N, C-alpha and C. Protein backbone atom coordinates (compact mmCIF):
# COMPACT_ATOMS: atom_id res chain seq x y z
N UNK A 1 20.78 2.27 -5.04
CA UNK A 1 19.82 1.40 -4.40
C UNK A 1 18.52 2.18 -4.12
N UNK A 2 17.42 1.52 -4.29
CA UNK A 2 16.11 2.12 -4.04
C UNK A 2 15.87 2.17 -2.53
N UNK A 3 15.36 3.29 -2.06
CA UNK A 3 14.98 3.44 -0.65
C UNK A 3 13.52 3.03 -0.53
N UNK A 4 13.23 2.06 0.33
CA UNK A 4 11.87 1.55 0.50
C UNK A 4 11.40 1.92 1.90
N UNK A 5 10.23 2.55 1.96
CA UNK A 5 9.64 2.99 3.23
C UNK A 5 8.30 2.28 3.41
N UNK A 6 8.00 1.85 4.62
CA UNK A 6 6.72 1.25 4.94
C UNK A 6 6.00 2.12 5.95
N UNK A 7 4.69 2.24 5.79
CA UNK A 7 3.89 3.01 6.72
C UNK A 7 3.97 2.40 8.12
N UNK A 8 3.71 3.21 9.10
CA UNK A 8 3.78 2.73 10.48
C UNK A 8 2.74 1.65 10.77
N UNK A 9 1.66 1.59 9.99
CA UNK A 9 0.65 0.55 10.17
C UNK A 9 1.20 -0.84 9.85
N UNK A 10 2.28 -0.91 9.10
CA UNK A 10 2.90 -2.19 8.76
C UNK A 10 4.14 -2.47 9.59
N UNK A 11 4.48 -1.60 10.51
CA UNK A 11 5.73 -1.74 11.26
C UNK A 11 5.78 -3.00 12.12
N UNK A 12 4.63 -3.59 12.45
CA UNK A 12 4.67 -4.82 13.24
C UNK A 12 5.25 -5.98 12.43
N UNK A 13 5.30 -5.85 11.10
CA UNK A 13 5.90 -6.89 10.26
C UNK A 13 7.00 -6.33 9.36
N UNK A 14 7.00 -5.02 9.15
CA UNK A 14 7.96 -4.39 8.24
C UNK A 14 9.11 -3.78 9.03
N UNK A 15 10.23 -3.58 8.36
CA UNK A 15 11.36 -2.94 9.05
C UNK A 15 11.03 -1.50 9.40
N UNK A 16 11.57 -1.03 10.52
CA UNK A 16 11.40 0.36 10.89
C UNK A 16 12.39 1.22 10.12
N UNK A 17 11.94 2.32 9.62
CA UNK A 17 12.80 3.19 8.83
C UNK A 17 12.98 2.66 7.41
N UNK A 18 13.68 3.41 6.62
CA UNK A 18 13.90 3.03 5.22
C UNK A 18 14.89 1.87 5.12
N UNK A 19 14.65 1.01 4.14
CA UNK A 19 15.59 -0.05 3.81
C UNK A 19 16.00 0.13 2.35
N UNK A 20 17.17 -0.32 2.01
CA UNK A 20 17.60 -0.24 0.62
C UNK A 20 17.37 -1.59 -0.05
N UNK A 21 17.05 -1.52 -1.32
CA UNK A 21 16.81 -2.74 -2.09
C UNK A 21 17.20 -2.46 -3.54
N UNK A 22 17.44 -3.53 -4.28
CA UNK A 22 17.82 -3.36 -5.68
C UNK A 22 16.80 -4.03 -6.57
N UNK A 23 16.76 -3.58 -7.82
CA UNK A 23 15.87 -4.14 -8.82
C UNK A 23 15.62 -3.12 -9.90
N UNK A 24 15.08 -3.60 -11.01
CA UNK A 24 14.80 -2.69 -12.12
C UNK A 24 13.33 -2.28 -12.16
N UNK A 25 12.48 -2.97 -11.38
CA UNK A 25 11.08 -2.59 -11.28
C UNK A 25 10.61 -2.84 -9.85
N UNK A 26 9.38 -2.44 -9.56
CA UNK A 26 8.87 -2.56 -8.20
C UNK A 26 8.83 -4.01 -7.75
N UNK A 27 8.47 -4.94 -8.63
CA UNK A 27 8.43 -6.36 -8.29
C UNK A 27 9.79 -6.83 -7.77
N UNK A 28 10.86 -6.50 -8.47
CA UNK A 28 12.19 -6.94 -8.08
C UNK A 28 12.64 -6.28 -6.78
N UNK A 29 12.31 -5.00 -6.62
CA UNK A 29 12.68 -4.29 -5.39
C UNK A 29 11.98 -4.93 -4.20
N UNK A 30 10.67 -5.17 -4.33
CA UNK A 30 9.94 -5.79 -3.23
C UNK A 30 10.43 -7.21 -2.96
N UNK A 31 10.76 -7.95 -3.99
CA UNK A 31 11.30 -9.31 -3.80
C UNK A 31 12.58 -9.27 -2.98
N UNK A 32 13.41 -8.26 -3.23
CA UNK A 32 14.65 -8.10 -2.47
C UNK A 32 14.32 -7.82 -1.00
N UNK A 33 13.33 -6.96 -0.75
CA UNK A 33 12.93 -6.67 0.62
C UNK A 33 12.33 -7.91 1.28
N UNK A 34 11.45 -8.62 0.56
CA UNK A 34 10.80 -9.81 1.12
C UNK A 34 11.81 -10.91 1.45
N UNK A 35 12.88 -10.99 0.69
CA UNK A 35 13.91 -12.00 0.97
C UNK A 35 14.52 -11.79 2.35
N UNK A 36 14.62 -10.53 2.76
CA UNK A 36 15.21 -10.20 4.06
C UNK A 36 14.18 -10.04 5.16
N UNK A 37 12.93 -9.73 4.77
CA UNK A 37 11.84 -9.49 5.73
C UNK A 37 10.60 -10.23 5.23
N UNK A 38 10.59 -11.56 5.30
CA UNK A 38 9.51 -12.34 4.69
C UNK A 38 8.12 -12.10 5.29
N UNK A 39 8.03 -11.68 6.51
CA UNK A 39 6.72 -11.49 7.14
C UNK A 39 5.90 -10.39 6.48
N UNK A 40 6.53 -9.44 5.87
CA UNK A 40 5.80 -8.32 5.27
C UNK A 40 5.13 -8.71 3.95
N UNK A 41 5.60 -9.75 3.30
CA UNK A 41 5.08 -10.13 1.98
C UNK A 41 3.57 -10.38 2.00
N UNK A 42 3.08 -11.12 2.96
CA UNK A 42 1.66 -11.43 3.03
C UNK A 42 0.76 -10.24 3.28
N UNK A 43 1.32 -9.17 3.81
CA UNK A 43 0.54 -7.96 4.02
C UNK A 43 0.51 -7.08 2.78
N UNK A 44 1.49 -7.24 1.89
CA UNK A 44 1.59 -6.40 0.69
C UNK A 44 1.01 -7.11 -0.53
N UNK A 45 1.27 -8.41 -0.67
CA UNK A 45 0.82 -9.16 -1.84
C UNK A 45 -0.25 -10.18 -1.46
N UNK A 46 -1.18 -10.42 -2.38
CA UNK A 46 -2.20 -11.44 -2.15
C UNK A 46 -1.67 -12.81 -2.57
N UNK A 47 -2.53 -13.81 -2.54
CA UNK A 47 -2.11 -15.18 -2.86
C UNK A 47 -1.70 -15.36 -4.32
N UNK A 48 -2.14 -14.45 -5.20
CA UNK A 48 -1.76 -14.51 -6.60
C UNK A 48 -0.53 -13.66 -6.92
N UNK A 49 0.07 -13.08 -5.89
CA UNK A 49 1.26 -12.27 -6.07
C UNK A 49 0.98 -10.86 -6.55
N UNK A 50 -0.27 -10.39 -6.40
CA UNK A 50 -0.63 -9.02 -6.78
C UNK A 50 -0.65 -8.14 -5.54
N UNK A 51 -0.44 -6.85 -5.75
CA UNK A 51 -0.53 -5.91 -4.63
C UNK A 51 -1.97 -5.92 -4.11
N UNK A 52 -2.12 -6.09 -2.82
CA UNK A 52 -3.45 -6.13 -2.21
C UNK A 52 -4.18 -4.81 -2.46
N UNK A 53 -5.51 -4.88 -2.53
CA UNK A 53 -6.31 -3.69 -2.85
C UNK A 53 -6.20 -2.61 -1.77
N UNK A 54 -5.90 -2.98 -0.55
CA UNK A 54 -5.81 -1.98 0.52
C UNK A 54 -4.40 -1.42 0.69
N UNK A 55 -3.52 -1.71 -0.25
CA UNK A 55 -2.15 -1.20 -0.21
C UNK A 55 -1.98 -0.13 -1.29
N UNK A 56 -1.42 1.00 -0.92
CA UNK A 56 -1.10 2.06 -1.87
C UNK A 56 0.41 2.12 -2.05
N UNK A 57 0.85 2.30 -3.28
CA UNK A 57 2.28 2.34 -3.59
C UNK A 57 2.59 3.67 -4.27
N UNK A 58 3.57 4.37 -3.72
CA UNK A 58 4.03 5.62 -4.29
C UNK A 58 5.50 5.46 -4.68
N UNK A 59 5.83 5.89 -5.88
CA UNK A 59 7.20 5.86 -6.36
C UNK A 59 7.60 7.27 -6.75
N UNK A 60 8.60 7.79 -6.08
CA UNK A 60 9.08 9.14 -6.36
C UNK A 60 7.94 10.16 -6.38
N UNK A 61 7.11 10.10 -5.34
CA UNK A 61 5.99 11.02 -5.11
C UNK A 61 4.84 10.85 -6.09
N UNK A 62 4.78 9.74 -6.83
CA UNK A 62 3.69 9.47 -7.76
C UNK A 62 2.95 8.22 -7.29
N UNK A 63 1.63 8.35 -7.15
CA UNK A 63 0.81 7.19 -6.78
C UNK A 63 0.72 6.27 -8.00
N UNK A 64 1.26 5.07 -7.86
CA UNK A 64 1.26 4.10 -8.95
C UNK A 64 -0.02 3.27 -8.83
N UNK A 65 -0.85 3.30 -9.87
CA UNK A 65 -2.15 2.64 -9.81
C UNK A 65 -2.29 1.48 -10.79
N UNK A 66 -1.54 1.48 -11.86
CA UNK A 66 -1.65 0.42 -12.87
C UNK A 66 -0.30 -0.26 -13.04
N UNK A 67 -0.36 -1.55 -13.31
CA UNK A 67 0.88 -2.32 -13.53
C UNK A 67 1.91 -1.99 -12.46
N UNK A 68 1.46 -1.99 -11.22
CA UNK A 68 2.30 -1.54 -10.11
C UNK A 68 3.62 -2.30 -10.06
N UNK A 69 3.55 -3.62 -10.08
CA UNK A 69 4.77 -4.41 -9.89
C UNK A 69 5.72 -4.32 -11.07
N UNK A 70 5.22 -4.04 -12.24
CA UNK A 70 6.07 -3.94 -13.43
C UNK A 70 6.60 -2.53 -13.67
N UNK A 71 6.19 -1.59 -12.83
CA UNK A 71 6.62 -0.20 -13.00
C UNK A 71 8.14 -0.09 -12.79
N UNK A 72 8.85 0.50 -13.74
CA UNK A 72 10.31 0.60 -13.59
C UNK A 72 10.71 1.57 -12.48
N UNK A 73 11.87 1.32 -11.89
CA UNK A 73 12.45 2.19 -10.87
C UNK A 73 13.84 2.62 -11.30
N UNK A 74 14.29 3.72 -10.75
CA UNK A 74 15.67 4.17 -10.95
C UNK A 74 16.48 3.78 -9.71
N UNK A 75 17.76 3.78 -9.85
CA UNK A 75 18.62 3.42 -8.72
C UNK A 75 18.46 4.38 -7.54
N UNK A 76 18.06 5.62 -7.80
CA UNK A 76 17.90 6.60 -6.73
C UNK A 76 16.43 6.83 -6.36
N UNK A 77 15.55 5.92 -6.74
CA UNK A 77 14.12 6.06 -6.45
C UNK A 77 13.82 5.89 -4.97
N UNK A 78 12.66 6.43 -4.57
CA UNK A 78 12.12 6.20 -3.25
C UNK A 78 10.75 5.57 -3.42
N UNK A 79 10.54 4.45 -2.75
CA UNK A 79 9.30 3.69 -2.84
C UNK A 79 8.62 3.71 -1.48
N UNK A 80 7.34 4.08 -1.47
CA UNK A 80 6.57 4.09 -0.23
C UNK A 80 5.43 3.09 -0.35
N UNK A 81 5.31 2.21 0.63
CA UNK A 81 4.28 1.19 0.66
C UNK A 81 3.44 1.46 1.90
N UNK A 82 2.13 1.71 1.70
CA UNK A 82 1.28 2.05 2.84
C UNK A 82 -0.12 1.49 2.67
N UNK A 83 -0.81 1.38 3.76
CA UNK A 83 -2.19 0.94 3.72
C UNK A 83 -3.03 2.10 3.23
N UNK A 84 -3.89 1.81 2.24
CA UNK A 84 -4.79 2.83 1.72
C UNK A 84 -5.90 3.06 2.74
N UNK A 85 -6.35 4.28 2.84
CA UNK A 85 -7.44 4.63 3.75
C UNK A 85 -8.70 4.84 2.94
N UNK A 86 -9.80 4.40 3.49
CA UNK A 86 -11.08 4.64 2.86
C UNK A 86 -12.11 4.86 3.94
N UNK A 87 -13.21 5.36 3.56
CA UNK A 87 -14.24 5.60 4.54
C UNK A 87 -15.42 6.28 3.90
N UNK A 88 -16.36 6.59 4.70
CA UNK A 88 -17.56 7.19 4.14
C UNK A 88 -18.12 8.23 5.04
């Protein structure tokens, strides 16, 4: 099972600590998490079902920037979902 972690900035809607989820790609893993924690979906995905621009996704210590939701995962993967920081 994939271990999914959410940044503390999302903890008001996301589960605290890691949760396990199944799927063959990030889309399926997140769908599994959203089925159990529906409030977090609107913070991670936009109305078209794409990862919001202010969300950063890391899979096994790699920042995933393209085709995020279709990126394959392994059963022992770790997925981190966090708010991206920007500034000037």
